Amino acid sequence: MGYHAVESLIRREPHRVTALHLLADRRDKRMQALCELARNQGVSLVFCAKSELDALVTGRHQGVVALIDPASRLASTGMISEMELIERVTEASAPLLLILDGVTDPHNLGACLRSADAAGVTAVIFPKDKSAEVNEAARKVASGAADTVPWVRVTNLARSIEALKQAGVWIIGTDGNAEETLYDQDLTGACALVMGSEGAGMRRLTRDLCDFVIKLPMSGAVSSLNVSVAAGVCLFEAVRQRRPR
């Protein structure tokens, strides 16, 4: 659901869409452009009342809902396996990873995926338990990034972190009580940035597995940033450091 997420899907993988349901009363230029794109890609259009769209999904759909072929749902998304994760890490010259330790809000997960895609992240990693799923709400906020940036839900996050360390990846956690700041840390090599949950931060075991722990320097009255905002700041500091001089 949502204009950006649906437009990205139709541009990239129209074969996955069984029908595009649209708000009948909406006739603005943006909607007309989406209709033209869908027709050109061979996607069926169904014009509906708002109540019908509301019944299809939970959340703000912006008058746009795409129905997905269930058989293609998993195979065509950005989801990869744990084995594929290690393969991608070993093939990359200086992989940049984002690890989300207990981010339970799908909106935050979607925003993190969007920032990760923009920063060219090798993969996003988060656990299967006590973590948000890549559902319709997360996909809407991700604006297509859930299908473009590789992501993996791991059974055991600690074991996955150990595997990354064995593959030569430095694990860099974020904690407001750390002594070093983000801007003191070298992010040019193979590294994974770990962001903790919205409230409690990283779990103790995850923190103990980190090679370095850093913080964002906070100058105002608030003590922390939203996890997706903090992830974006950290990722783009890595992008800045990796730019050719």
Protein backbone atom coordinates (compact mmCIF):
# COMPACT_ATOMS: atom_id res chain seq x y z
CA MET A 1 0.00 0.00 0.00
CA GLY A 2 1.03 3.59 -0.44
CA TYR A 3 1.98 5.44 -3.61
CA HIS A 4 5.80 5.15 -3.50
CA ALA A 5 5.89 1.49 -2.46
CA VAL A 6 3.36 0.47 -5.13
CA GLU A 7 4.98 2.55 -7.88
CA SER A 8 8.37 0.98 -7.15
CA LEU A 9 6.85 -2.51 -7.22
CA ILE A 10 5.10 -1.96 -10.57
CA ARG A 11 8.23 -0.50 -12.14
CA ARG A 12 10.47 -3.33 -10.97
CA GLU A 13 8.26 -6.44 -10.75
CA PRO A 14 4.84 -5.93 -12.36
CA HIS A 15 4.43 -9.70 -12.76
CA ARG A 16 3.94 -9.97 -9.00
CA VAL A 17 0.86 -7.71 -9.00
CA THR A 18 -2.45 -9.48 -9.60
CA ALA A 19 -4.47 -6.24 -9.47
CA LEU A 20 -4.03 -2.60 -8.52
CA HIS A 21 -6.90 -1.23 -6.42
CA LEU A 22 -7.29 2.54 -6.60
CA LEU A 23 -9.51 5.13 -4.93
CA ALA A 24 -12.22 5.93 -7.48
CA ASP A 25 -12.55 9.56 -6.39
CA ARG A 26 -8.85 10.37 -6.78
CA ARG A 27 -8.02 11.78 -10.23
CA ASP A 28 -4.95 13.96 -9.62
CA LYS A 29 -1.90 13.92 -11.94
CA ARG A 30 0.02 11.63 -9.60
CA MET A 31 -2.72 9.01 -9.70
CA GLN A 32 -3.12 9.36 -13.46
CA ALA A 33 0.63 8.75 -13.90
CA LEU A 34 0.41 5.60 -11.75
CA CYS A 35 -2.56 4.34 -13.76
CA GLU A 36 -0.67 4.90 -17.02
CA LEU A 37 2.38 3.08 -15.64
CA ALA A 38 0.22 0.13 -14.51
CA ARG A 39 -1.56 -0.11 -17.87
CA ASN A 40 1.76 -0.03 -19.73
CA GLN A 41 3.01 -2.87 -17.54
CA GLY A 42 -0.12 -4.95 -18.08
CA VAL A 43 -1.45 -4.57 -14.52
CA SER A 44 -5.25 -4.72 -14.05
CA LEU A 45 -6.88 -1.66 -12.48
CA VAL A 46 -9.80 -1.85 -10.04
CA PHE A 47 -11.40 1.43 -8.91
CA CYS A 48 -12.87 1.22 -5.41
CA ALA A 49 -14.58 3.21 -2.70
CA LYS A 50 -12.45 4.23 0.28
CA SER A 51 -14.27 1.72 2.50
CA GLU A 52 -13.21 -1.13 0.19
CA LEU A 53 -9.55 -0.08 0.33
CA ASP A 54 -9.76 0.31 4.12
CA ALA A 55 -10.96 -3.30 4.33
CA LEU A 56 -7.93 -4.56 2.38
CA VAL A 57 -5.16 -3.14 4.57
CA THR A 58 -4.43 -1.63 7.96
CA GLY A 59 -2.96 1.86 7.90
CA ARG A 60 -2.80 4.82 5.49
CA HIS A 61 -2.99 3.47 1.98
CA GLN A 62 -3.12 6.86 0.17
CA GLY A 63 -5.77 5.46 -2.12
CA VAL A 64 -3.41 2.83 -3.59
CA VAL A 65 -3.31 -0.91 -2.77
CA ALA A 66 -1.57 -3.58 -4.86
CA LEU A 67 -2.59 -7.22 -4.45
CA ILE A 68 0.40 -9.56 -4.66
CA ASP A 69 0.55 -13.07 -6.04
CA PRO A 70 1.22 -15.18 -2.90
CA ALA A 71 3.46 -17.56 -4.87
CA SER A 72 5.88 -14.72 -5.67
CA ARG A 73 5.75 -12.89 -2.37
CA LEU A 74 8.91 -14.31 -0.76
CA ALA A 75 10.93 -15.19 -3.84
CA SER A 76 10.78 -11.68 -5.27
CA THR A 77 11.45 -9.56 -2.20
CA GLY A 78 14.75 -8.35 -0.81
CA MET A 79 14.83 -11.19 1.71
CA ILE A 80 17.97 -13.36 1.62
CA SER A 81 19.12 -16.38 3.62
CA GLU A 82 21.82 -16.42 6.28
CA MET A 83 24.04 -18.35 3.89
CA GLU A 84 23.53 -15.72 1.19
CA LEU A 85 24.40 -13.04 3.73
CA ILE A 86 27.84 -14.51 4.37
CA GLU A 87 28.38 -14.97 0.63
CA ARG A 88 27.60 -11.30 -0.01
CA VAL A 89 29.88 -10.21 2.82
CA THR A 90 32.82 -12.25 1.58
CA GLU A 91 32.34 -11.07 -1.99
CA ALA A 92 32.24 -7.36 -1.07
CA SER A 93 35.51 -5.46 -0.72
CA ALA A 94 34.33 -3.37 2.25
CA PRO A 95 30.80 -4.45 3.22
CA LEU A 96 28.63 -2.07 5.21
CA LEU A 97 25.91 -3.80 7.25
CA LEU A 98 23.09 -2.60 9.47
CA ILE A 99 22.05 -4.80 12.42
CA LEU A 100 18.76 -4.00 14.19
CA ASP A 101 18.61 -5.54 17.66
CA GLY A 102 14.96 -5.65 18.71
CA VAL A 103 13.37 -2.87 16.62
CA THR A 104 9.71 -3.70 17.11
CA ASP A 105 7.98 -0.80 15.34
CA PRO A 106 7.35 -1.66 11.66
CA HIS A 107 7.45 2.03 10.77
CA ASN A 108 10.96 2.30 12.22
CA LEU A 109 11.98 -0.89 10.43
CA GLY A 110 10.69 0.48 7.14
CA ALA A 111 12.51 3.78 7.66
CA CYS A 112 15.73 1.90 8.46
CA LEU A 113 15.39 -0.14 5.27
CA ARG A 114 14.88 3.07 3.27
CA SER A 115 18.00 4.68 4.76
CA ALA A 116 19.98 1.47 4.24
CA ASP A 117 19.02 1.39 0.58
CA ALA A 118 20.00 5.03 0.12
CA ALA A 119 23.38 4.42 1.78
CA GLY A 120 24.13 1.35 -0.36
CA VAL A 121 24.18 -1.06 2.56
CA THR A 122 25.24 -4.63 1.78
CA ALA A 123 22.44 -6.09 3.93
CA VAL A 124 20.17 -5.36 6.89
CA ILE A 125 20.04 -8.00 9.64
CA PHE A 126 17.44 -8.45 12.39
CA PRO A 127 16.21 -11.36 14.51
CA LYS A 128 13.05 -13.37 13.94
CA ASP A 129 11.99 -13.01 17.58
CA LYS A 130 11.11 -9.72 19.30
CA SER A 131 11.45 -7.75 16.09
CA ALA A 132 9.06 -6.11 13.65
CA GLU A 133 8.16 -7.98 10.48
CA VAL A 134 8.49 -6.61 6.96
CA ASN A 135 4.71 -6.22 6.69
CA GLU A 136 2.54 -3.83 4.69
CA ALA A 137 3.22 -0.94 7.12
CA ALA A 138 6.99 -1.43 6.97
CA ARG A 139 6.88 -1.72 3.17
CA LYS A 140 4.88 1.49 2.83
CA VAL A 141 7.40 3.47 4.89
CA ALA A 142 10.31 1.79 3.08
CA SER A 143 8.94 3.18 -0.23
CA GLY A 144 10.21 0.23 -2.25
CA ALA A 145 13.43 -0.36 -0.29
CA ALA A 146 12.07 -3.63 1.16
CA ASP A 147 12.43 -5.06 -2.35
CA THR A 148 15.78 -3.48 -3.24
CA VAL A 149 18.02 -3.64 -0.17
CA PRO A 150 18.91 -7.22 0.92
CA TRP A 151 17.60 -8.11 4.39
CA VAL A 152 17.68 -11.25 6.49
CA ARG A 153 15.78 -12.38 9.59
CA VAL A 154 18.13 -14.56 11.60
CA THR A 155 17.25 -17.24 14.12
CA ASN A 156 20.11 -16.42 16.48
CA LEU A 157 21.49 -12.87 16.26
CA ALA A 158 24.51 -13.59 18.47
CA ARG A 159 25.52 -16.54 16.28
CA SER A 160 25.12 -14.40 13.14
CA ILE A 161 27.31 -11.67 14.63
CA GLU A 162 29.98 -14.25 15.42
CA ALA A 163 29.83 -15.48 11.81
CA LEU A 164 30.28 -11.93 10.57
CA LYS A 165 33.29 -11.45 12.82
CA GLN A 166 34.80 -14.65 11.44
CA ALA A 167 34.29 -13.16 7.97
CA GLY A 168 36.36 -10.12 8.94
CA VAL A 169 33.58 -7.67 9.79
CA TRP A 170 34.07 -5.22 12.68
CA ILE A 171 30.94 -4.97 14.87
CA ILE A 172 30.22 -1.39 15.98
CA GLY A 173 27.43 -0.92 18.50
CA THR A 174 25.65 2.30 19.41
CA ASP A 175 25.00 3.27 23.01
CA GLY A 176 24.33 6.67 24.56
CA ASN A 177 26.71 5.84 27.42
CA ALA A 178 29.71 5.08 25.21
CA GLU A 179 32.85 7.17 25.55
CA GLU A 180 33.77 7.43 21.87
CA THR A 181 31.54 9.22 19.37
CA LEU A 182 30.49 8.23 15.86
CA TYR A 183 32.93 10.76 14.43
CA ASP A 184 35.88 9.18 16.24
CA GLN A 185 35.25 5.79 14.64
CA ASP A 186 36.83 4.53 11.42
CA LEU A 187 34.00 3.24 9.22
CA THR A 188 35.96 2.74 5.99
CA GLY A 189 36.56 -1.00 6.37
CA ALA A 190 34.22 -3.97 6.59
CA CYS A 191 31.83 -3.10 9.42
CA ALA A 192 28.36 -3.61 10.80
CA LEU A 193 26.53 -0.85 12.68
CA VAL A 194 24.28 -2.16 15.45
CA MET A 195 21.21 -0.16 16.47
CA GLY A 196 19.30 -1.21 19.59
CA SER A 197 15.58 -1.23 20.29
CA GLU A 198 13.53 1.95 20.57
CA GLY A 199 13.51 1.90 24.35
CA ALA A 200 16.08 -0.43 25.92
CA GLY A 201 18.82 -0.20 23.29
CA MET A 202 21.08 -3.14 22.53
CA ARG A 203 20.72 -6.28 24.58
CA ARG A 204 23.60 -7.12 26.95
CA LEU A 205 24.75 -10.11 24.89
CA THR A 206 24.78 -8.07 21.69
CA ARG A 207 26.76 -5.30 23.37
CA ASP A 208 29.31 -7.79 24.65
CA LEU A 209 29.89 -9.03 21.10
CA CYS A 210 30.67 -5.55 19.75
CA ASP A 211 34.27 -4.70 18.89
CA PHE A 212 33.58 -1.01 19.41
CA VAL A 213 30.75 0.96 21.01
CA ILE A 214 30.04 4.53 19.97
CA LYS A 215 27.47 7.24 20.60
CA LEU A 216 25.99 10.18 18.76
CA PRO A 217 27.05 13.49 20.34
CA MET A 218 23.84 15.06 21.70
CA SER A 219 23.90 18.82 22.30
CA GLY A 220 20.23 19.49 23.03
CA ALA A 221 17.81 18.64 25.80
CA VAL A 222 16.71 15.25 24.42
CA SER A 223 18.82 12.26 25.38
CA SER A 224 18.38 10.14 22.25
CA LEU A 225 17.10 10.03 18.67
CA ASN A 226 14.52 7.81 17.04
CA VAL A 227 16.27 4.58 15.98
CA SER A 228 15.62 5.14 12.28
CA VAL A 229 17.00 8.68 12.45
CA ALA A 230 20.08 7.49 14.35
CA ALA A 231 20.59 4.70 11.80
CA GLY A 232 20.48 7.22 8.96
CA VAL A 233 23.01 9.49 10.66
CA CYS A 234 25.41 6.61 11.31
CA LEU A 235 25.09 5.10 7.84
CA PHE A 236 25.73 8.36 6.06
CA GLU A 237 28.76 9.07 8.20
CA ALA A 238 30.09 5.77 6.84
CA VAL A 239 29.18 6.93 3.32
CA ARG A 240 31.01 10.21 3.91
CA GLN A 241 34.15 8.47 5.16
CA ARG A 242 34.13 6.06 2.20
CA ARG A 243 33.97 8.78 -0.46
CA PRO A 244 37.10 9.08 -2.62
CA ARG A 245 39.26 11.95 -1.45
